[in-house]
Amino acid sequence: MSPYDSRKEGGRWGQTSAVDDIINRIKGSRYGALIIVGMVVLLWLVSGVYMVRPGEQGIVRRFGKEVRITSPGLRYHLPFPIERVDTPKVTEVRRIEVGFRTVDPGPPARYRFLPYESLMLTGDENIVDAQIIVQYKIKNASHFLFNVRDIEGTLRDASEAALRQTIGGNTIDDVLTVGRLQIQDGTRKLLQRLMDSYESGLLITEVKLQTVRPPVEVEGAFKDVVSAKEDRERIIYEARGYHEEVIPRTKGRAREITKQAEAYREERIKRAQGDADKFLAILREYEKAKEVTRKRLYLETMEEVLPKTKKFVIDSEIKGNLLQLLPLGK
């Protein structure tokens, strides 16, 4: 016996496992070969059991041809190489970056910019630097797996083409200021049409502009222009707000003045009618007793003209050089 064999007998290598015992018994049996073949076939058949997790779809292929789609749960397919299964995540929202790549998500995040993807012409022949993020998910798993060879590369190229076409239909003022939402929506719709024409099985959920700016060489001048345009828009909106505030207030004031004038007119008419009626009544009394009425009118007028003045009535029959009034007040 060699030293190697003695080590096997004395150490743990010499301890025969239960599996070895079973294998040795099978080999010693008359049907050992059949049992081994049966176990291999059983293991091969069991290898067809697979799990489709929530949010996934199972696409079963038989010799490369799609035969059925399975829903989440424990499923079975004929073992390889007869059938095989793919389980793409159909509810997962994925994303690609156009014009830049995320080098390190951070924090702080670091990016690598790709000018050959992001530099493009606007409708008025100005250059802008635009980067976007495209979010998508699978709406048809079969098309996603089998219709397009490089689905991510195709989507990135189509996204760049859609963005170039959309920006090419807008002026640089719209691109840099008020047209961002329209550009995002237009790019998403155009990109969806492109991917549908490829039968890619993708649903574009969102296109988001990350950065839209002029080239670095002229960025300062463009910022001044954009700032001036923003000031213009702000002043216009302030003027419109002032207009919306002043016009209703002025109309209200005009209506108030009109109502006051109408009320004053009615008051003056009523007062004039009252004065006229009063005069006619006095006239009728005057015609009855002219002298008495004349004196009464004179006295009433004097009381009205001199309301704070003390009035003394001296009989006209008092004559002579005597003092007719002795002021013994304070």
C-alpha atoms as a PDB file:
ATOM      1  CA  MET A   1       0.000   0.000   0.000  1.00  0.00           C
ATOM      2  CA  SER A   2       1.370   3.382  -0.960  1.00  0.00           C
ATOM      3  CA  PRO A   3       1.663   6.307   1.489  1.00  0.00           C
ATOM      4  CA  TYR A   4      -1.052   8.005  -0.495  1.00  0.00           C
ATOM      5  CA  ASP A   5      -3.447   5.120   0.114  1.00  0.00           C
ATOM      6  CA  SER A   6      -2.589   5.037   3.809  1.00  0.00           C
ATOM      7  CA  ARG A   7      -3.400   8.706   4.130  1.00  0.00           C
ATOM      8  CA  LYS A   8      -6.683   8.080   2.485  1.00  0.00           C
ATOM      9  CA  GLU A   9      -7.509   5.332   4.940  1.00  0.00           C
ATOM     10  CA  GLY A  10      -6.321   7.201   8.058  1.00  0.00           C
ATOM     11  CA  GLY A  11      -7.627  10.681   7.210  1.00  0.00           C
ATOM     12  CA  ARG A  12     -10.916  12.164   6.136  1.00  0.00           C
ATOM     13  CA  TRP A  13     -10.260  11.081   2.545  1.00  0.00           C
ATOM     14  CA  GLY A  14     -10.719   7.536   3.702  1.00  0.00           C
ATOM     15  CA  GLN A  15     -14.223   8.182   4.964  1.00  0.00           C
ATOM     16  CA  THR A  16     -16.576   6.847   2.278  1.00  0.00           C
ATOM     17  CA  SER A  17     -19.532   9.138   1.754  1.00  0.00           C
ATOM     18  CA  ALA A  18     -23.101   7.967   1.458  1.00  0.00           C
ATOM     19  CA  VAL A  19     -23.148   9.086  -2.163  1.00  0.00           C
ATOM     20  CA  ASP A  20     -20.133   6.900  -2.938  1.00  0.00           C
ATOM     21  CA  ASP A  21     -21.864   3.939  -1.305  1.00  0.00           C
ATOM     22  CA  ILE A  22     -24.957   4.454  -3.412  1.00  0.00           C
ATOM     23  CA  ILE A  23     -22.884   4.747  -6.603  1.00  0.00           C
ATOM     24  CA  ASN A  24     -20.932   1.609  -5.745  1.00  0.00           C
ATOM     25  CA  ARG A  25     -24.139  -0.324  -5.080  1.00  0.00           C
ATOM     26  CA  ILE A  26     -25.617   0.846  -8.356  1.00  0.00           C
ATOM     27  CA  LYS A  27     -22.500  -0.220 -10.198  1.00  0.00           C
ATOM     28  CA  GLY A  28     -22.625  -3.609  -8.571  1.00  0.00           C
ATOM     29  CA  SER A  29     -26.277  -4.118  -9.456  1.00  0.00           C
ATOM     30  CA  ARG A  30     -27.445  -5.918 -12.591  1.00  0.00           C
ATOM     31  CA  TYR A  31     -29.452  -2.835 -13.606  1.00  0.00           C
ATOM     32  CA  GLY A  32     -26.825  -0.309 -12.639  1.00  0.00           C
ATOM     33  CA  ALA A  33     -26.464   1.161 -16.120  1.00  0.00           C
ATOM     34  CA  LEU A  34     -30.219   1.561 -16.526  1.00  0.00           C
ATOM     35  CA  ILE A  35     -30.535   3.248 -13.143  1.00  0.00           C
ATOM     36  CA  ILE A  36     -27.775   5.716 -13.998  1.00  0.00           C
ATOM     37  CA  VAL A  37     -29.361   6.495 -17.351  1.00  0.00           C
ATOM     38  CA  GLY A  38     -32.748   6.948 -15.655  1.00  0.00           C
ATOM     39  CA  MET A  39     -31.291   9.347 -13.108  1.00  0.00           C
ATOM     40  CA  VAL A  40     -29.632  11.387 -15.858  1.00  0.00           C
ATOM     41  CA  VAL A  41     -32.914  11.517 -17.795  1.00  0.00           C
ATOM     42  CA  LEU A  42     -34.761  12.570 -14.647  1.00  0.00           C
ATOM     43  CA  LEU A  43     -32.289  15.361 -13.950  1.00  0.00           C
ATOM     44  CA  TRP A  44     -32.558  16.467 -17.590  1.00  0.00           C
ATOM     45  CA  LEU A  45     -36.357  16.596 -17.356  1.00  0.00           C
ATOM     46  CA  VAL A  46     -36.248  18.491 -14.037  1.00  0.00           C
ATOM     47  CA  SER A  47     -33.986  21.120 -15.629  1.00  0.00           C
ATOM     48  CA  GLY A  48     -37.031  22.340 -17.567  1.00  0.00           C
ATOM     49  CA  VAL A  49     -38.619  23.830 -14.457  1.00  0.00           C
ATOM     50  CA  TYR A  50     -38.294  27.626 -14.397  1.00  0.00           C
ATOM     51  CA  MET A  51     -39.711  30.602 -12.510  1.00  0.00           C
ATOM     52  CA  VAL A  52     -41.257  33.725 -14.066  1.00  0.00           C
ATOM     53  CA  ARG A  53     -41.057  36.464 -11.442  1.00  0.00           C
ATOM     54  CA  PRO A  54     -43.582  39.303 -11.008  1.00  0.00           C
ATOM     55  CA  GLY A  55     -43.063  41.951 -13.677  1.00  0.00           C
ATOM     56  CA  GLU A  56     -41.609  39.408 -16.139  1.00  0.00           C
ATOM     57  CA  GLN A  57     -42.899  37.437 -19.114  1.00  0.00           C
ATOM     58  CA  GLY A  58     -41.656  34.038 -20.182  1.00  0.00           C
ATOM     59  CA  ILE A  59     -40.976  33.616 -23.915  1.00  0.00           C
ATOM     60  CA  VAL A  60     -40.565  29.911 -24.718  1.00  0.00           C
ATOM     61  CA  ARG A  61     -38.715  28.959 -27.917  1.00  0.00           C
ATOM     62  CA  ARG A  62     -38.638  25.480 -29.454  1.00  0.00           C
ATOM     63  CA  PHE A  63     -35.587  24.997 -31.650  1.00  0.00           C
ATOM     64  CA  GLY A  64     -35.355  28.787 -31.885  1.00  0.00           C
ATOM     65  CA  LYS A  65     -38.995  29.438 -32.803  1.00  0.00           C
ATOM     66  CA  GLU A  66     -41.339  31.137 -30.350  1.00  0.00           C
ATOM     67  CA  VAL A  67     -44.127  28.783 -29.263  1.00  0.00           C
ATOM     68  CA  ARG A  68     -45.797  30.449 -26.259  1.00  0.00           C
ATOM     69  CA  ILE A  69     -45.736  33.271 -23.713  1.00  0.00           C
ATOM     70  CA  THR A  70     -46.054  32.449 -20.016  1.00  0.00           C
ATOM     71  CA  SER A  71     -47.183  34.618 -17.097  1.00  0.00           C
ATOM     72  CA  PRO A  72     -45.509  34.951 -13.666  1.00  0.00           C
ATOM     73  CA  GLY A  73     -45.303  31.776 -11.591  1.00  0.00           C
ATOM     74  CA  LEU A  74     -43.620  28.356 -11.589  1.00  0.00           C
ATOM     75  CA  ARG A  75     -43.582  27.012 -15.154  1.00  0.00           C
ATOM     76  CA  TYR A  76     -42.139  24.161 -17.196  1.00  0.00           C
ATOM     77  CA  HIS A  77     -40.625  23.832 -20.656  1.00  0.00           C
ATOM     78  CA  LEU A  78     -38.977  20.939 -22.463  1.00  0.00           C
ATOM     79  CA  PRO A  79     -35.343  20.864 -21.436  1.00  0.00           C
ATOM     80  CA  PHE A  80     -32.463  22.201 -23.486  1.00  0.00           C
ATOM     81  CA  PRO A  81     -31.771  21.855 -26.404  1.00  0.00           C
ATOM     82  CA  ILE A  82     -35.424  21.315 -27.350  1.00  0.00           C
ATOM     83  CA  GLU A  83     -36.820  24.424 -25.710  1.00  0.00           C
ATOM     84  CA  ARG A  84     -35.374  27.416 -23.948  1.00  0.00           C
ATOM     85  CA  VAL A  85     -36.971  30.396 -22.209  1.00  0.00           C
ATOM     86  CA  ASP A  86     -36.245  34.123 -21.912  1.00  0.00           C
ATOM     87  CA  THR A  87     -37.784  36.159 -19.082  1.00  0.00           C
ATOM     88  CA  PRO A  88     -37.503  39.898 -19.875  1.00  0.00           C
ATOM     89  CA  LYS A  89     -38.742  42.398 -17.280  1.00  0.00           C
ATOM     90  CA  VAL A  90     -41.675  44.052 -19.028  1.00  0.00           C
ATOM     91  CA  THR A  91     -42.582  46.496 -16.238  1.00  0.00           C
ATOM     92  CA  GLU A  92     -39.074  47.805 -15.552  1.00  0.00           C
ATOM     93  CA  VAL A  93     -38.454  51.390 -16.671  1.00  0.00           C
ATOM     94  CA  ARG A  94     -35.070  51.557 -18.402  1.00  0.00           C
ATOM     95  CA  ARG A  95     -33.078  54.543 -19.644  1.00  0.00           C
ATOM     96  CA  ILE A  96     -30.440  55.523 -22.121  1.00  0.00           C
ATOM     97  CA  GLU A  97     -28.352  58.692 -22.316  1.00  0.00           C
ATOM     98  CA  VAL A  98     -27.773  60.628 -25.529  1.00  0.00           C
ATOM     99  CA  GLY A  99     -25.020  63.225 -25.718  1.00  0.00           C
ATOM    100  CA  PHE A 100     -23.350  62.153 -22.477  1.00  0.00           C
ATOM    101  CA  ARG A 101     -22.609  59.099 -20.329  1.00  0.00           C
ATOM    102  CA  THR A 102     -22.645  58.772 -16.556  1.00  0.00           C
ATOM    103  CA  VAL A 103     -19.137  57.812 -15.459  1.00  0.00           C
ATOM    104  CA  ASP A 104     -19.847  57.759 -11.721  1.00  0.00           C
ATOM    105  CA  PRO A 105     -23.313  58.286 -10.176  1.00  0.00           C
ATOM    106  CA  GLY A 106     -21.605  59.819  -7.133  1.00  0.00           C
ATOM    107  CA  PRO A 107     -22.217  61.820  -5.192  1.00  0.00           C
ATOM    108  CA  PRO A 108     -20.862  63.906  -6.701  1.00  0.00           C
ATOM    109  CA  ALA A 109     -21.849  62.530 -10.095  1.00  0.00           C
ATOM    110  CA  ARG A 110     -19.343  62.597 -12.928  1.00  0.00           C
ATOM    111  CA  TYR A 111     -20.230  62.630 -16.616  1.00  0.00           C
ATOM    112  CA  ARG A 112     -18.478  62.208 -19.939  1.00  0.00           C
ATOM    113  CA  PHE A 113     -19.853  64.458 -22.686  1.00  0.00           C
ATOM    114  CA  LEU A 114     -20.013  63.332 -26.315  1.00  0.00           C
ATOM    115  CA  PRO A 115     -20.116  66.343 -28.666  1.00  0.00           C
ATOM    116  CA  TYR A 116     -20.551  64.169 -31.778  1.00  0.00           C
ATOM    117  CA  GLU A 117     -23.976  63.173 -30.363  1.00  0.00           C
ATOM    118  CA  SER A 118     -25.039  66.443 -28.718  1.00  0.00           C
ATOM    119  CA  LEU A 119     -24.044  69.202 -31.197  1.00  0.00           C
ATOM    120  CA  MET A 120     -26.847  69.942 -33.661  1.00  0.00           C
ATOM    121  CA  LEU A 121     -28.351  72.707 -35.821  1.00  0.00           C
ATOM    122  CA  THR A 122     -31.519  74.660 -35.084  1.00  0.00           C
ATOM    123  CA  GLY A 123     -34.004  75.796 -37.702  1.00  0.00           C
ATOM    124  CA  ASP A 124     -32.316  79.219 -37.980  1.00  0.00           C
ATOM    125  CA  GLU A 125     -28.876  77.577 -38.503  1.00  0.00           C
ATOM    126  CA  ASN A 126     -27.436  78.062 -35.047  1.00  0.00           C
ATOM    127  CA  ILE A 127     -25.527  75.368 -33.161  1.00  0.00           C
ATOM    128  CA  VAL A 128     -26.728  74.093 -29.800  1.00  0.00           C
ATOM    129  CA  ASP A 129     -25.415  71.474 -27.429  1.00  0.00           C
ATOM    130  CA  ALA A 130     -28.303  69.233 -26.253  1.00  0.00           C
ATOM    131  CA  GLN A 131     -28.293  66.119 -24.073  1.00  0.00           C
ATOM    132  CA  ILE A 132     -31.339  63.995 -23.294  1.00  0.00           C
ATOM    133  CA  ILE A 133     -32.377  61.019 -21.207  1.00  0.00           C
ATOM    134  CA  VAL A 134     -34.841  58.563 -22.775  1.00  0.00           C
ATOM    135  CA  GLN A 135     -36.905  56.350 -20.494  1.00  0.00           C
ATOM    136  CA  TYR A 136     -38.670  53.309 -21.917  1.00  0.00           C
ATOM    137  CA  LYS A 137     -40.110  49.916 -21.074  1.00  0.00           C
ATOM    138  CA  ILE A 138     -41.113  46.774 -22.935  1.00  0.00           C
ATOM    139  CA  LYS A 139     -44.638  46.652 -24.334  1.00  0.00           C
ATOM    140  CA  ASN A 140     -44.172  43.541 -26.526  1.00  0.00           C
ATOM    141  CA  ALA A 141     -41.620  41.051 -25.242  1.00  0.00           C
ATOM    142  CA  SER A 142     -41.511  38.993 -28.468  1.00  0.00           C
ATOM    143  CA  HIS A 143     -40.715  42.002 -30.639  1.00  0.00           C
ATOM    144  CA  PHE A 144     -38.200  43.235 -28.086  1.00  0.00           C
ATOM    145  CA  LEU A 145     -36.282  39.938 -28.122  1.00  0.00           C
ATOM    146  CA  PHE A 146     -36.353  38.942 -31.787  1.00  0.00           C
ATOM    147  CA  ASN A 147     -37.020  41.902 -34.125  1.00  0.00           C
ATOM    148  CA  VAL A 148     -34.026  44.183 -33.477  1.00  0.00           C
ATOM    149  CA  ARG A 149     -30.484  42.888 -33.087  1.00  0.00           C
ATOM    150  CA  ASP A 150     -28.984  45.726 -30.979  1.00  0.00           C
ATOM    151  CA  ILE A 151     -32.030  47.234 -29.326  1.00  0.00           C
ATOM    152  CA  GLU A 152     -30.169  49.729 -27.102  1.00  0.00           C
ATOM    153  CA  GLY A 153     -27.865  50.963 -29.880  1.00  0.00           C
ATOM    154  CA  THR A 154     -30.819  51.281 -32.250  1.00  0.00           C
ATOM    155  CA  LEU A 155     -32.804  53.209 -29.657  1.00  0.00           C
ATOM    156  CA  ARG A 156     -29.881  55.563 -29.014  1.00  0.00           C
ATOM    157  CA  ASP A 157     -29.410  56.259 -32.747  1.00  0.00           C
ATOM    158  CA  ALA A 158     -33.152  56.792 -33.212  1.00  0.00           C
ATOM    159  CA  SER A 159     -33.270  59.114 -30.197  1.00  0.00           C
ATOM    160  CA  GLU A 160     -30.442  61.223 -31.584  1.00  0.00           C
ATOM    161  CA  ALA A 161     -32.143  61.388 -34.997  1.00  0.00           C
ATOM    162  CA  ALA A 162     -35.513  62.356 -33.460  1.00  0.00           C
ATOM    163  CA  LEU A 163     -33.913  65.054 -31.322  1.00  0.00           C
ATOM    164  CA  ARG A 164     -32.001  66.492 -34.296  1.00  0.00           C
ATOM    165  CA  GLN A 165     -35.161  66.627 -36.380  1.00  0.00           C
ATOM    166  CA  THR A 166     -37.197  68.261 -33.612  1.00  0.00           C
ATOM    167  CA  ILE A 167     -34.562  70.886 -32.799  1.00  0.00           C
ATOM    168  CA  GLY A 168     -34.091  71.501 -36.521  1.00  0.00           C
ATOM    169  CA  GLY A 169     -37.723  72.587 -36.678  1.00  0.00           C
ATOM    170  CA  ASN A 170     -37.329  75.256 -33.967  1.00  0.00           C
ATOM    171  CA  THR A 171     -35.386  78.487 -33.668  1.00  0.00           C
ATOM    172  CA  ILE A 172     -32.565  78.850 -31.189  1.00  0.00           C
ATOM    173  CA  ASP A 173     -34.658  81.271 -29.115  1.00  0.00           C
ATOM    174  CA  ASP A 174     -37.351  78.633 -28.630  1.00  0.00           C
ATOM    175  CA  VAL A 175     -34.786  75.919 -27.913  1.00  0.00           C
ATOM    176  CA  LEU A 176     -33.014  77.919 -25.217  1.00  0.00           C
ATOM    177  CA  THR A 177     -36.041  79.557 -23.581  1.00  0.00           C
ATOM    178  CA  VAL A 178     -39.721  78.702 -23.865  1.00  0.00           C
ATOM    179  CA  GLY A 179     -39.708  75.699 -26.215  1.00  0.00           C
ATOM    180  CA  ARG A 180     -38.213  73.001 -23.990  1.00  0.00           C
ATOM    181  CA  LEU A 181     -41.480  71.232 -23.197  1.00  0.00           C
ATOM    182  CA  GLN A 182     -42.556  71.249 -26.840  1.00  0.00           C
ATOM    183  CA  ILE A 183     -39.181  69.827 -27.894  1.00  0.00           C
ATOM    184  CA  GLN A 184     -39.370  67.046 -25.299  1.00  0.00           C
ATOM    185  CA  ASP A 185     -42.896  66.092 -26.312  1.00  0.00           C
ATOM    186  CA  GLY A 186     -42.160  66.307 -30.038  1.00  0.00           C
ATOM    187  CA  THR A 187     -39.028  64.164 -29.679  1.00  0.00           C
ATOM    188  CA  ARG A 188     -40.907  61.525 -27.683  1.00  0.00           C
ATOM    189  CA  LYS A 189     -43.702  61.252 -30.251  1.00  0.00           C
ATOM    190  CA  LEU A 190     -41.294  61.084 -33.194  1.00  0.00           C
ATOM    191  CA  LEU A 191     -39.110  58.514 -31.422  1.00  0.00           C
ATOM    192  CA  GLN A 192     -42.146  56.354 -30.643  1.00  0.00           C
ATOM    193  CA  ARG A 193     -43.142  56.380 -34.313  1.00  0.00           C
ATOM    194  CA  LEU A 194     -39.629  55.339 -35.312  1.00  0.00           C
ATOM    195  CA  MET A 195     -39.487  52.465 -32.830  1.00  0.00           C
ATOM    196  CA  ASP A 196     -42.965  51.310 -33.840  1.00  0.00           C
ATOM    197  CA  SER A 197     -41.863  51.262 -37.476  1.00  0.00           C
ATOM    198  CA  TYR A 198     -39.008  48.960 -36.440  1.00  0.00           C
ATOM    199  CA  GLU A 199     -41.493  46.761 -34.495  1.00  0.00           C
ATOM    200  CA  SER A 200     -39.090  47.020 -31.578  1.00  0.00           C
ATOM    201  CA  GLY A 201     -41.681  46.302 -28.874  1.00  0.00           C
ATOM    202  CA  LEU A 202     -40.690  49.410 -26.881  1.00  0.00           C
ATOM    203  CA  LEU A 203     -42.871  52.049 -25.247  1.00  0.00           C
ATOM    204  CA  ILE A 204     -41.165  55.443 -24.846  1.00  0.00           C
ATOM    205  CA  THR A 205     -42.418  56.789 -21.520  1.00  0.00           C
ATOM    206  CA  GLU A 206     -40.431  60.036 -21.289  1.00  0.00           C
ATOM    207  CA  VAL A 207     -37.829  62.141 -23.067  1.00  0.00           C
ATOM    208  CA  LYS A 208     -36.157  64.647 -20.765  1.00  0.00           C
ATOM    209  CA  LEU A 209     -33.784  67.396 -21.827  1.00  0.00           C
ATOM    210  CA  GLN A 210     -30.840  67.498 -19.462  1.00  0.00           C
ATOM    211  CA  THR A 211     -28.878  70.409 -20.902  1.00  0.00           C
ATOM    212  CA  VAL A 212     -29.589  72.721 -23.814  1.00  0.00           C
ATOM    213  CA  ARG A 213     -26.945  75.368 -24.291  1.00  0.00           C
ATOM    214  CA  PRO A 214     -24.905  77.059 -26.992  1.00  0.00           C
ATOM    215  CA  PRO A 215     -21.376  75.839 -27.717  1.00  0.00           C
ATOM    216  CA  VAL A 216     -18.823  76.716 -25.059  1.00  0.00           C
ATOM    217  CA  GLU A 217     -17.018  79.160 -27.358  1.00  0.00           C
ATOM    218  CA  VAL A 218     -20.042  81.504 -27.563  1.00  0.00           C
ATOM    219  CA  GLU A 219     -21.851  80.585 -24.375  1.00  0.00           C
ATOM    220  CA  GLY A 220     -21.242  83.954 -22.695  1.00  0.00           C
ATOM    221  CA  ALA A 221     -22.770  85.941 -25.552  1.00  0.00           C
ATOM    222  CA  PHE A 222     -25.741  83.634 -25.724  1.00  0.00           C
ATOM    223  CA  LYS A 223     -26.344  83.977 -22.009  1.00  0.00           C
ATOM    224  CA  ASP A 224     -26.510  87.745 -22.396  1.00  0.00           C
ATOM    225  CA  VAL A 225     -29.008  87.385 -25.224  1.00  0.00           C
ATOM    226  CA  VAL A 226     -31.122  84.909 -23.297  1.00  0.00           C
ATOM    227  CA  SER A 227     -31.046  87.140 -20.212  1.00  0.00           C
ATOM    228  CA  ALA A 228     -32.218  90.098 -22.272  1.00  0.00           C
ATOM    229  CA  LYS A 229     -35.036  88.053 -23.781  1.00  0.00           C
ATOM    230  CA  GLU A 230     -36.078  86.837 -20.351  1.00  0.00           C
ATOM    231  CA  ASP A 231     -36.140  90.430 -19.117  1.00  0.00           C
ATOM    232  CA  ARG A 232     -38.277  91.350 -22.106  1.00  0.00           C
ATOM    233  CA  GLU A 233     -40.722  88.556 -21.373  1.00  0.00           C
ATOM    234  CA  ARG A 234     -40.803  89.488 -17.701  1.00  0.00           C
ATOM    235  CA  ILE A 235     -41.549  93.139 -18.478  1.00  0.00           C
ATOM    236  CA  ILE A 236     -44.263  92.118 -20.940  1.00  0.00           C
ATOM    237  CA  TYR A 237     -45.917  89.904 -18.349  1.00  0.00           C
ATOM    238  CA  GLU A 238     -45.662  92.631 -15.717  1.00  0.00           C
ATOM    239  CA  ALA A 239     -47.259  95.106 -18.135  1.00  0.00           C
ATOM    240  CA  ARG A 240     -50.035  92.638 -18.883  1.00  0.00           C
ATOM    241  CA  GLY A 241     -50.560  92.127 -15.170  1.00  0.00           C
ATOM    242  CA  TYR A 242     -50.720  95.876 -14.617  1.00  0.00           C
ATOM    243  CA  HIS A 243     -53.166  96.155 -17.508  1.00  0.00           C
ATOM    244  CA  GLU A 244     -55.353  93.419 -16.038  1.00  0.00           C
ATOM    245  CA  GLU A 245     -55.263  95.188 -12.680  1.00  0.00           C
ATOM    246  CA  VAL A 246     -55.818  98.791 -13.783  1.00  0.00           C
ATOM    247  CA  ILE A 247     -58.487  98.308 -16.456  1.00  0.00           C
ATOM    248  CA  PRO A 248     -61.053  96.589 -14.193  1.00  0.00           C
ATOM    249  CA  ARG A 249     -60.314  99.040 -11.405  1.00  0.00           C
ATOM    250  CA  THR A 250     -60.755 101.989 -13.787  1.00  0.00           C
ATOM    251  CA  LYS A 251     -63.978 100.552 -15.163  1.00  0.00           C
ATOM    252  CA  GLY A 252     -65.245 100.101 -11.633  1.00  0.00           C
ATOM    253  CA  ARG A 253     -64.316 103.666 -10.752  1.00  0.00           C
ATOM    254  CA  ALA A 254     -66.048 104.921 -13.912  1.00  0.00           C
ATOM    255  CA  ARG A 255     -69.216 103.031 -13.011  1.00  0.00           C
ATOM    256  CA  GLU A 256     -69.023 104.437  -9.482  1.00  0.00           C
ATOM    257  CA  ILE A 257     -68.671 108.010 -10.772  1.00  0.00           C
ATOM    258  CA  THR A 258     -71.552 107.466 -13.180  1.00  0.00           C
ATOM    259  CA  LYS A 259     -73.767 106.201 -10.384  1.00  0.00           C
ATOM    260  CA  GLN A 260     -72.790 109.153  -8.186  1.00  0.00           C
ATOM    261  CA  ALA A 261     -73.567 111.594 -11.012  1.00  0.00           C
ATOM    262  CA  GLU A 262     -76.934 109.973 -11.593  1.00  0.00           C
ATOM    263  CA  ALA A 263     -77.693 110.156  -7.897  1.00  0.00           C
ATOM    264  CA  TYR A 264     -76.588 113.807  -7.785  1.00  0.00           C
ATOM    265  CA  ARG A 265     -78.780 114.581 -10.775  1.00  0.00           C
ATOM    266  CA  GLU A 266     -81.809 113.010  -9.102  1.00  0.00           C
ATOM    267  CA  GLU A 267     -81.013 114.884  -5.906  1.00  0.00           C
ATOM    268  CA  ARG A 268     -80.731 118.222  -7.714  1.00  0.00           C
ATOM    269  CA  ILE A 269     -83.944 117.606  -9.602  1.00  0.00           C
ATOM    270  CA  LYS A 270     -85.820 116.769  -6.415  1.00  0.00           C
ATOM    271  CA  ARG A 271     -84.311 119.744  -4.630  1.00  0.00           C
ATOM    272  CA  ALA A 272     -85.189 122.090  -7.495  1.00  0.00           C
ATOM    273  CA  GLN A 273     -88.705 120.766  -7.541  1.00  0.00           C
ATOM    274  CA  GLY A 274     -88.915 121.303  -3.781  1.00  0.00           C
ATOM    275  CA  ASP A 275     -87.559 124.840  -4.092  1.00  0.00           C
ATOM    276  CA  ALA A 276     -90.040 125.572  -6.840  1.00  0.00           C
ATOM    277  CA  ASP A 277     -92.916 124.217  -4.791  1.00  0.00           C
ATOM    278  CA  LYS A 278     -91.736 126.226  -1.804  1.00  0.00           C
ATOM    279  CA  PHE A 279     -91.510 129.384  -3.911  1.00  0.00           C
ATOM    280  CA  LEU A 280     -94.984 128.853  -5.282  1.00  0.00           C
ATOM    281  CA  ALA A 281     -96.306 128.340  -1.759  1.00  0.00           C
ATOM    282  CA  ILE A 282     -94.624 131.565  -0.599  1.00  0.00           C
ATOM    283  CA  LEU A 283     -95.979 133.341  -3.647  1.00  0.00           C
ATOM    284  CA  ARG A 284     -99.484 132.282  -2.798  1.00  0.00           C
ATOM    285  CA  GLU A 285     -99.035 133.546   0.790  1.00  0.00           C
ATOM    286  CA  TYR A 286     -97.481 136.767  -0.491  1.00  0.00           C
ATOM    287  CA  GLU A 287    -100.454 137.463  -2.674  1.00  0.00           C
ATOM    288  CA  LYS A 288    -102.689 137.066   0.372  1.00  0.00           C
ATOM    289  CA  ALA A 289    -100.670 139.414   2.651  1.00  0.00           C
ATOM    290  CA  LYS A 290     -97.908 141.143   0.814  1.00  0.00           C
ATOM    291  CA  GLU A 291     -96.568 143.378   3.590  1.00  0.00           C
ATOM    292  CA  VAL A 292     -96.468 140.684   6.259  1.00  0.00           C
ATOM    293  CA  THR A 293     -94.907 138.180   3.907  1.00  0.00           C
ATOM    294  CA  ARG A 294     -92.274 140.705   2.806  1.00  0.00           C
ATOM    295  CA  LYS A 295     -91.215 141.398   6.363  1.00  0.00           C
ATOM    296  CA  ARG A 296     -91.143 137.706   7.261  1.00  0.00           C
ATOM    297  CA  LEU A 297     -88.964 136.961   4.239  1.00  0.00           C
ATOM    298  CA  TYR A 298     -86.658 139.821   5.146  1.00  0.00           C
ATOM    299  CA  LEU A 299     -86.244 138.613   8.711  1.00  0.00           C
ATOM    300  CA  GLU A 300     -85.708 134.992   7.681  1.00  0.00           C
ATOM    301  CA  THR A 301     -83.101 136.100   5.168  1.00  0.00           C
ATOM    302  CA  MET A 302     -81.250 138.128   7.738  1.00  0.00           C
ATOM    303  CA  GLU A 303     -81.264 135.171  10.144  1.00  0.00           C
ATOM    304  CA  GLU A 304     -79.836 132.998   7.444  1.00  0.00           C
ATOM    305  CA  VAL A 305     -77.179 135.502   6.379  1.00  0.00           C
ATOM    306  CA  LEU A 306     -76.072 136.450   9.872  1.00  0.00           C
ATOM    307  CA  PRO A 307     -76.603 133.299  11.915  1.00  0.00           C
ATOM    308  CA  LYS A 308     -73.993 134.144  14.606  1.00  0.00           C
ATOM    309  CA  THR A 309     -74.617 137.823  14.811  1.00  0.00           C
ATOM    310  CA  LYS A 310     -76.805 139.269  17.488  1.00  0.00           C
ATOM    311  CA  LYS A 311     -79.567 141.292  16.026  1.00  0.00           C
ATOM    312  CA  PHE A 312     -81.263 144.179  17.773  1.00  0.00           C
ATOM    313  CA  VAL A 313     -84.537 145.592  16.552  1.00  0.00           C
ATOM    314  CA  ILE A 314     -84.994 149.303  17.401  1.00  0.00           C
ATOM    315  CA  ASP A 315     -88.300 150.899  17.079  1.00  0.00           C
ATOM    316  CA  SER A 316     -88.188 153.527  14.408  1.00  0.00           C
ATOM    317  CA  GLU A 317     -90.381 155.798  16.479  1.00  0.00           C
ATOM    318  CA  ILE A 318     -87.527 156.417  18.965  1.00  0.00           C
ATOM    319  CA  LYS A 319     -86.048 159.747  17.944  1.00  0.00           C
ATOM    320  CA  GLY A 320     -83.680 162.309  19.314  1.00  0.00           C
ATOM    321  CA  ASN A 321     -80.004 162.276  20.214  1.00  0.00           C
ATOM    322  CA  LEU A 322     -80.370 159.837  23.061  1.00  0.00           C
ATOM    323  CA  LEU A 323     -78.361 156.639  23.008  1.00  0.00           C
ATOM    324  CA  GLN A 324     -80.714 154.198  21.383  1.00  0.00           C
ATOM    325  CA  LEU A 325     -78.754 151.060  22.380  1.00  0.00           C
ATOM    326  CA  LEU A 326     -76.795 150.452  25.566  1.00  0.00           C
ATOM    327  CA  PRO A 327     -74.356 147.440  24.962  1.00  0.00           C
ATOM    328  CA  LEU A 328     -74.084 145.989  28.468  1.00  0.00           C
ATOM    329  CA  GLY A 329     -72.674 142.657  27.472  1.00  0.00           C
ATOM    330  CA  LYS A 330     -69.602 140.996  28.964  1.00  0.00           C
END
